[in-house]
N, C-alpha and C. Protein backbone atom coordinates (compact mmCIF):
# COMPACT_ATOMS: atom_id res chain seq x y z
N MET A 1 171.34 63.18 -33.51
CA MET A 1 171.81 62.86 -34.83
C MET A 1 172.55 64.07 -35.38
N VAL A 2 173.63 63.83 -36.07
CA VAL A 2 174.42 64.89 -36.67
C VAL A 2 174.35 64.73 -38.18
N MET A 3 174.03 65.83 -38.88
CA MET A 3 173.95 65.82 -40.33
C MET A 3 174.82 66.92 -40.90
N ARG A 4 175.28 66.72 -42.13
CA ARG A 4 175.98 67.77 -42.85
C ARG A 4 175.08 68.19 -44.01
N VAL A 5 174.81 69.49 -44.08
CA VAL A 5 173.95 70.04 -45.13
C VAL A 5 174.73 71.13 -45.85
N ASN A 6 174.80 71.06 -47.16
CA ASN A 6 175.50 72.08 -47.95
C ASN A 6 174.61 73.31 -48.08
N CYS A 7 174.98 74.39 -47.39
CA CYS A 7 174.24 75.64 -47.46
C CYS A 7 175.19 76.75 -47.88
N ASP A 8 174.69 77.66 -48.71
CA ASP A 8 175.53 78.71 -49.24
C ASP A 8 175.34 80.05 -48.53
N CYS A 9 174.11 80.37 -48.18
CA CYS A 9 173.83 81.72 -47.68
C CYS A 9 172.97 81.65 -46.43
N ASN A 10 172.73 82.82 -45.84
CA ASN A 10 171.90 82.90 -44.63
C ASN A 10 170.45 82.53 -44.91
N GLY A 11 170.00 82.78 -46.13
CA GLY A 11 168.63 82.40 -46.49
C GLY A 11 168.43 80.89 -46.42
N CYS A 12 169.46 80.14 -46.81
CA CYS A 12 169.38 78.67 -46.73
C CYS A 12 169.28 78.22 -45.28
N TYR A 13 170.05 78.87 -44.41
CA TYR A 13 170.00 78.51 -42.99
C TYR A 13 168.65 78.85 -42.38
N ARG A 14 168.08 79.98 -42.78
CA ARG A 14 166.75 80.34 -42.28
C ARG A 14 165.70 79.34 -42.75
N LYS A 15 165.80 78.93 -44.00
CA LYS A 15 164.87 77.95 -44.55
C LYS A 15 165.01 76.61 -43.83
N MET A 16 166.26 76.19 -43.57
CA MET A 16 166.48 74.94 -42.87
C MET A 16 165.93 75.01 -41.44
N ARG A 17 166.13 76.13 -40.78
CA ARG A 17 165.61 76.30 -39.42
C ARG A 17 164.08 76.23 -39.41
N ARG A 18 163.45 76.86 -40.38
CA ARG A 18 161.99 76.84 -40.48
C ARG A 18 161.48 75.42 -40.72
N ILE A 19 162.17 74.67 -41.59
CA ILE A 19 161.77 73.29 -41.87
C ILE A 19 161.91 72.43 -40.63
N ILE A 20 163.03 72.60 -39.90
CA ILE A 20 163.26 71.80 -38.68
C ILE A 20 162.24 72.14 -37.61
N LEU A 21 161.91 73.41 -37.46
CA LEU A 21 160.93 73.80 -36.44
C LEU A 21 159.54 73.26 -36.75
N ASN A 22 159.22 73.04 -38.01
CA ASN A 22 157.91 72.50 -38.38
C ASN A 22 157.82 70.99 -38.24
N MET A 23 158.94 70.31 -38.02
CA MET A 23 158.92 68.86 -37.80
C MET A 23 158.57 68.59 -36.35
N LYS A 24 157.45 67.93 -36.12
CA LYS A 24 156.97 67.71 -34.76
C LYS A 24 157.83 66.73 -33.97
N GLU A 25 158.50 65.80 -34.65
CA GLU A 25 159.26 64.78 -33.95
C GLU A 25 160.60 65.29 -33.43
N ILE A 26 161.06 66.44 -33.90
CA ILE A 26 162.34 67.00 -33.45
C ILE A 26 162.09 67.90 -32.25
N GLU A 27 162.79 67.59 -31.13
CA GLU A 27 162.61 68.35 -29.90
C GLU A 27 163.58 69.53 -29.81
N THR A 28 164.86 69.29 -30.09
CA THR A 28 165.85 70.36 -30.04
C THR A 28 166.75 70.27 -31.27
N HIS A 29 167.34 71.39 -31.63
CA HIS A 29 168.26 71.41 -32.77
C HIS A 29 169.33 72.46 -32.56
N LEU A 30 170.44 72.28 -33.25
CA LEU A 30 171.54 73.24 -33.23
C LEU A 30 172.14 73.26 -34.63
N ILE A 31 172.30 74.46 -35.17
CA ILE A 31 172.84 74.61 -36.52
C ILE A 31 174.20 75.29 -36.41
N GLU A 32 175.26 74.62 -36.90
CA GLU A 32 176.60 75.20 -36.93
C GLU A 32 176.90 75.65 -38.36
N LYS A 33 176.94 76.96 -38.57
CA LYS A 33 177.15 77.49 -39.91
C LYS A 33 178.58 77.25 -40.40
N GLN A 34 179.57 77.36 -39.51
CA GLN A 34 180.97 77.26 -39.92
C GLN A 34 181.30 75.86 -40.45
N HIS A 35 180.71 74.83 -39.84
CA HIS A 35 181.03 73.45 -40.22
C HIS A 35 179.94 72.81 -41.07
N ASN A 36 178.89 73.56 -41.41
CA ASN A 36 177.76 73.04 -42.20
C ASN A 36 177.13 71.82 -41.53
N ARG A 37 176.99 71.86 -40.22
CA ARG A 37 176.44 70.72 -39.48
C ARG A 37 175.15 71.11 -38.78
N VAL A 38 174.28 70.11 -38.63
CA VAL A 38 173.01 70.28 -37.95
C VAL A 38 172.89 69.16 -36.93
N TYR A 39 172.64 69.51 -35.66
CA TYR A 39 172.42 68.54 -34.60
C TYR A 39 170.95 68.57 -34.25
N VAL A 40 170.29 67.42 -34.29
CA VAL A 40 168.88 67.34 -33.93
C VAL A 40 168.68 66.23 -32.90
N CYS A 41 167.74 66.46 -31.98
CA CYS A 41 167.40 65.48 -30.96
C CYS A 41 165.89 65.29 -30.95
N GLY A 42 165.47 64.09 -30.67
CA GLY A 42 164.04 63.80 -30.59
C GLY A 42 163.78 62.33 -30.85
N ARG A 43 162.52 61.99 -31.01
CA ARG A 43 162.13 60.62 -31.29
C ARG A 43 161.73 60.53 -32.75
N PHE A 44 162.64 60.01 -33.58
CA PHE A 44 162.40 59.95 -35.02
C PHE A 44 163.31 58.90 -35.62
N ARG A 45 163.03 58.58 -36.88
CA ARG A 45 163.93 57.73 -37.66
C ARG A 45 164.90 58.67 -38.38
N PRO A 46 166.18 58.44 -38.23
CA PRO A 46 167.16 59.36 -38.85
C PRO A 46 167.02 59.48 -40.36
N ALA A 47 166.75 58.37 -41.03
CA ALA A 47 166.63 58.42 -42.48
C ALA A 47 165.42 59.26 -42.91
N ASP A 48 164.32 59.15 -42.17
CA ASP A 48 163.12 59.93 -42.52
C ASP A 48 163.36 61.43 -42.41
N VAL A 49 164.06 61.85 -41.34
CA VAL A 49 164.33 63.27 -41.16
C VAL A 49 165.28 63.77 -42.25
N ALA A 50 166.30 62.99 -42.57
CA ALA A 50 167.25 63.39 -43.61
C ALA A 50 166.58 63.49 -44.98
N ILE A 51 165.70 62.54 -45.29
CA ILE A 51 165.01 62.56 -46.58
C ILE A 51 164.06 63.75 -46.67
N LYS A 52 163.34 64.02 -45.58
CA LYS A 52 162.42 65.15 -45.57
C LYS A 52 163.17 66.47 -45.73
N LEU A 53 164.31 66.60 -45.03
CA LEU A 53 165.10 67.81 -45.13
C LEU A 53 165.68 67.97 -46.53
N ARG A 54 166.13 66.86 -47.13
CA ARG A 54 166.70 66.91 -48.49
C ARG A 54 165.65 67.32 -49.52
N LYS A 55 164.43 66.77 -49.39
CA LYS A 55 163.38 67.10 -50.35
C LYS A 55 162.95 68.55 -50.25
N LYS A 56 162.85 69.07 -49.03
CA LYS A 56 162.38 70.44 -48.87
C LYS A 56 163.46 71.47 -49.16
N MET A 57 164.72 71.14 -48.82
CA MET A 57 165.82 72.08 -49.03
C MET A 57 166.37 72.01 -50.45
N LYS A 58 166.19 70.87 -51.12
CA LYS A 58 166.80 70.63 -52.43
C LYS A 58 168.32 70.75 -52.35
N ARG A 59 168.86 70.24 -51.24
CA ARG A 59 170.30 70.23 -50.98
C ARG A 59 170.72 68.83 -50.57
N ARG A 60 172.01 68.54 -50.70
CA ARG A 60 172.54 67.25 -50.29
C ARG A 60 172.64 67.19 -48.78
N VAL A 61 172.18 66.09 -48.17
CA VAL A 61 172.19 65.90 -46.73
C VAL A 61 172.92 64.60 -46.42
N GLU A 62 173.94 64.66 -45.55
CA GLU A 62 174.66 63.47 -45.12
C GLU A 62 174.41 63.24 -43.64
N ILE A 63 174.16 62.00 -43.26
CA ILE A 63 174.05 61.65 -41.84
C ILE A 63 175.45 61.28 -41.38
N LEU A 64 175.99 62.05 -40.43
CA LEU A 64 177.35 61.81 -39.95
C LEU A 64 177.36 60.88 -38.74
N ASP A 65 176.43 61.09 -37.81
CA ASP A 65 176.44 60.31 -36.57
C ASP A 65 175.02 60.19 -36.04
N VAL A 66 174.71 59.01 -35.53
CA VAL A 66 173.40 58.78 -34.90
C VAL A 66 173.67 58.23 -33.51
N GLU A 67 173.08 58.88 -32.50
CA GLU A 67 173.23 58.45 -31.12
C GLU A 67 171.87 58.13 -30.55
N GLU A 68 171.72 56.95 -30.00
CA GLU A 68 170.46 56.57 -29.37
C GLU A 68 170.57 56.88 -27.89
N GLU A 69 169.54 57.53 -27.34
CA GLU A 69 169.60 57.93 -25.94
C GLU A 69 169.35 56.77 -25.00
N SER A 70 168.15 56.20 -25.05
CA SER A 70 167.84 55.12 -24.11
C SER A 70 167.20 53.98 -24.88
N ALA A 71 168.02 53.04 -25.29
CA ALA A 71 167.50 51.86 -25.97
C ALA A 71 167.19 50.82 -24.90
N GLY A 72 165.95 50.39 -24.82
CA GLY A 72 165.60 49.42 -23.80
C GLY A 72 164.13 49.45 -23.49
N THR A 73 163.81 49.71 -22.23
CA THR A 73 162.43 49.63 -21.79
C THR A 73 161.58 50.78 -22.29
N GLY A 74 162.18 51.88 -22.62
CA GLY A 74 161.42 53.02 -23.08
C GLY A 74 160.91 53.90 -21.95
N ASP A 75 161.34 53.62 -20.72
CA ASP A 75 160.94 54.45 -19.58
C ASP A 75 161.68 55.78 -19.65
N PRO A 76 160.98 56.89 -19.38
CA PRO A 76 161.66 58.17 -19.45
C PRO A 76 162.71 58.34 -18.35
N MET A 77 162.46 57.78 -17.17
CA MET A 77 163.41 57.88 -16.06
C MET A 77 163.64 56.48 -15.50
N PRO A 78 164.89 56.09 -15.25
CA PRO A 78 165.13 54.78 -14.66
C PRO A 78 164.65 54.75 -13.22
N GLN A 79 164.19 53.59 -12.79
CA GLN A 79 163.69 53.43 -11.43
C GLN A 79 164.86 53.33 -10.45
N PRO A 80 164.76 53.94 -9.27
CA PRO A 80 165.85 53.85 -8.30
C PRO A 80 165.97 52.43 -7.77
N THR A 81 167.21 52.02 -7.48
CA THR A 81 167.45 50.66 -7.01
C THR A 81 167.35 50.55 -5.50
N THR A 82 167.61 51.61 -4.76
CA THR A 82 167.51 51.56 -3.31
C THR A 82 166.17 52.10 -2.87
N HIS A 83 165.66 51.53 -1.80
CA HIS A 83 164.38 51.96 -1.28
C HIS A 83 164.62 52.90 -0.11
N LEU A 84 164.12 54.08 -0.20
CA LEU A 84 164.24 55.06 0.87
C LEU A 84 162.88 55.24 1.53
N SER A 85 162.90 55.26 2.86
CA SER A 85 161.63 55.48 3.56
C SER A 85 161.24 56.94 3.41
N PRO A 86 159.96 57.20 3.31
CA PRO A 86 159.54 58.60 3.14
C PRO A 86 159.85 59.41 4.39
N GLN A 87 160.33 60.60 4.18
CA GLN A 87 160.65 61.49 5.28
C GLN A 87 159.36 62.13 5.80
N PRO A 88 159.25 62.28 7.11
CA PRO A 88 158.06 62.94 7.63
C PRO A 88 158.05 64.41 7.20
N THR A 89 156.88 64.87 6.85
CA THR A 89 156.78 66.26 6.41
C THR A 89 156.44 67.13 7.60
N ALA A 90 157.02 68.29 7.63
CA ALA A 90 156.77 69.24 8.71
C ALA A 90 155.54 70.06 8.37
N ARG A 91 154.72 70.30 9.36
CA ARG A 91 153.54 71.14 9.16
C ARG A 91 153.90 72.57 9.50
N ILE A 92 153.53 73.45 8.63
CA ILE A 92 153.80 74.87 8.86
C ILE A 92 152.48 75.55 9.13
N TYR A 93 152.38 76.11 10.33
CA TYR A 93 151.18 76.82 10.71
C TYR A 93 151.41 78.31 10.55
N PRO A 94 150.41 79.04 10.10
CA PRO A 94 150.60 80.48 9.94
C PRO A 94 150.74 81.16 11.29
N GLN A 95 151.60 82.14 11.33
CA GLN A 95 151.81 82.90 12.56
C GLN A 95 150.63 83.83 12.77
N PRO A 96 150.21 83.98 14.02
CA PRO A 96 149.11 84.92 14.27
C PRO A 96 149.57 86.35 13.97
N THR A 97 148.74 87.06 13.29
CA THR A 97 149.10 88.43 12.92
C THR A 97 148.31 89.41 13.79
N THR A 98 148.94 90.49 14.09
CA THR A 98 148.27 91.55 14.85
C THR A 98 148.02 92.71 13.91
N HIS A 99 146.85 93.19 13.91
CA HIS A 99 146.48 94.30 13.06
C HIS A 99 146.42 95.56 13.92
N VAL A 100 147.08 96.57 13.48
CA VAL A 100 147.07 97.85 14.20
C VAL A 100 146.29 98.84 13.36
N PHE A 101 145.23 99.36 13.95
CA PHE A 101 144.40 100.34 13.25
C PHE A 101 144.67 101.71 13.84
N GLN A 102 144.86 102.68 13.04
CA GLN A 102 145.11 104.02 13.54
C GLN A 102 144.00 104.96 13.18
């Protein structure tokens, strides 16, 4: 999700970063100071995150773009379509060591 947040100084950005880090549902984030944009990724409702950020920051927050990663079954990884036979594993035996005592 991409948001635009009006921030004036570095203290505002630090406060926003602290607020985002304390949100458990957000996995990753990126703050662009030049464009006043915040990119967040995770499992959350976009409106809830924007409202929480607006209330804590006391700043205007706009949702610019929302991208859904995997809408469907909810599986973290898609299942492979082709069936591959398991490859035989090679056994590695330790080499005999010779100890030399002097």
